């Protein structure tokens, strides 16, 4: 082969390798194996190679977006249909459902058996339902406000309530019937016809014969047809609570040892800081230098400090027995509540350190370990509110176990008042008092309805028999002497 042919062949090989963008100048074997193609067609971007192709476009995004929008529309429509169906079902009264079922049944009988009488009954029922519809149309632009003169009342009193109704619409409002829940009762109030941008005030007296909590509201205005087939309600969420406090007796000063304790009656408890000097002892690390007795220190040559006898400064505990099986009836239970409330309120008013407790009542989150549930007693109002909310505790512990738990709670107590019913005997009361230390005076009040008042004292235990709330001040005064 000539040199010219060789050069010609080499020239052809080099130019073939540099054609287009397929290879690199120099050799055929070094050209790129993949080809990149980019094209746009109808909003679609396509990027690919010989080995594979990737498509990125807006068609898939639009499909997804439409699908999501369709799902959202379907969920919203389903909720609206369910809400509307619920409103329709609630608008039909039991009498309306009976008329509707009777009309459908008679229509079916008339169509299958060709009964003219059945068709007549079905037509009358349908006419009644259609006639009742216009009474539910429209809306009353009412503004309702419930006002009560006081949120707390003593058992046996009453609360004055005022219902203010204002027509905020531009058209007169026809008369309507309002329903107001008051405790367990339902009071019906007739709202008169009210002109445009006018108002009316409806007074209402709420009796409170028994202790407890009365829930007032919410107010519901109902629209109904004359036959009572259909009914439409509008509710305003205005609610109020009325605490009905138990009746209490005003206890005299120096009663039940409450004021006597402030005078410093010795308790046989030794402490390092009080009013009653008892003795001196050797200094111990941690003692305050202000209690050093320098005369004794000079005589003995050892650092001596004062030691005091603790005075019973009104550490009062009121223990209420909330088990209904300890009482003959509900009236006796309420008498015991009034007695316990009177003693505890007296302790709060005179600034005593107090612990007011009862058995665990169902409805609370959980009982305490010793079965005692402390009542909030920051001030007399809060304490009386707690007595209003107190309920019987059928699953509570007996008061002997409660007294034992209180005695082992390491609370510094000087007086413990146990209030129970007439069924527990003196032996059980003495057993409960024996759980406390000798320097704690225990007073047990047995509430027996209409019984003769009497008092018995045995060492650190004083037992009362209270027949009426008016007997309590005299019994407490006798115990203080």
Foldseek 3Di string as FASTA:
>chain_A
DDPVVVVVVVVVQQVVQPPDQQHDRDGVVHGDPWDWDWDDDPQKTKTAIPVTIDTDGCPVVVVVVVVVVVVVVVVVVVVVVVVVVVQVVQFFDPVLVVLQVLLVVLVVCCVPVVDPVSPVSNVVSVVVVVVWVVQPDDDFQKDKDKDWPDQEAAAFAKIKIKIKIFGQDQAKDAKWWKWKAKAPDIDIDIRHIAGHGGMDMDMDIGHHNDFAKIKIDWMKIWTGGPVRRTIDIDTDGDMGIHGHFYDADAADPLFLCQVVLQVFDFLQDKDQDDDAWDAKDADDPPRDPVQWDVVVCVVVVGTIGTMGGHGQNAEEEEEEEQACVQAPDVVLVSQLLRLSLHVLQVSQVVVHNYWYWYADAPPDPDADPLRIDTQDPNHSVSRRSSSSHDHGHNPGDGVLSSLLCVQPPPDDAAEYEYGTEQRDDPVSVVSSVVSHDLSHAYEYEYEDAQDDWDWDDDRSYIYIYHRGNVCVNVVRNVSSD
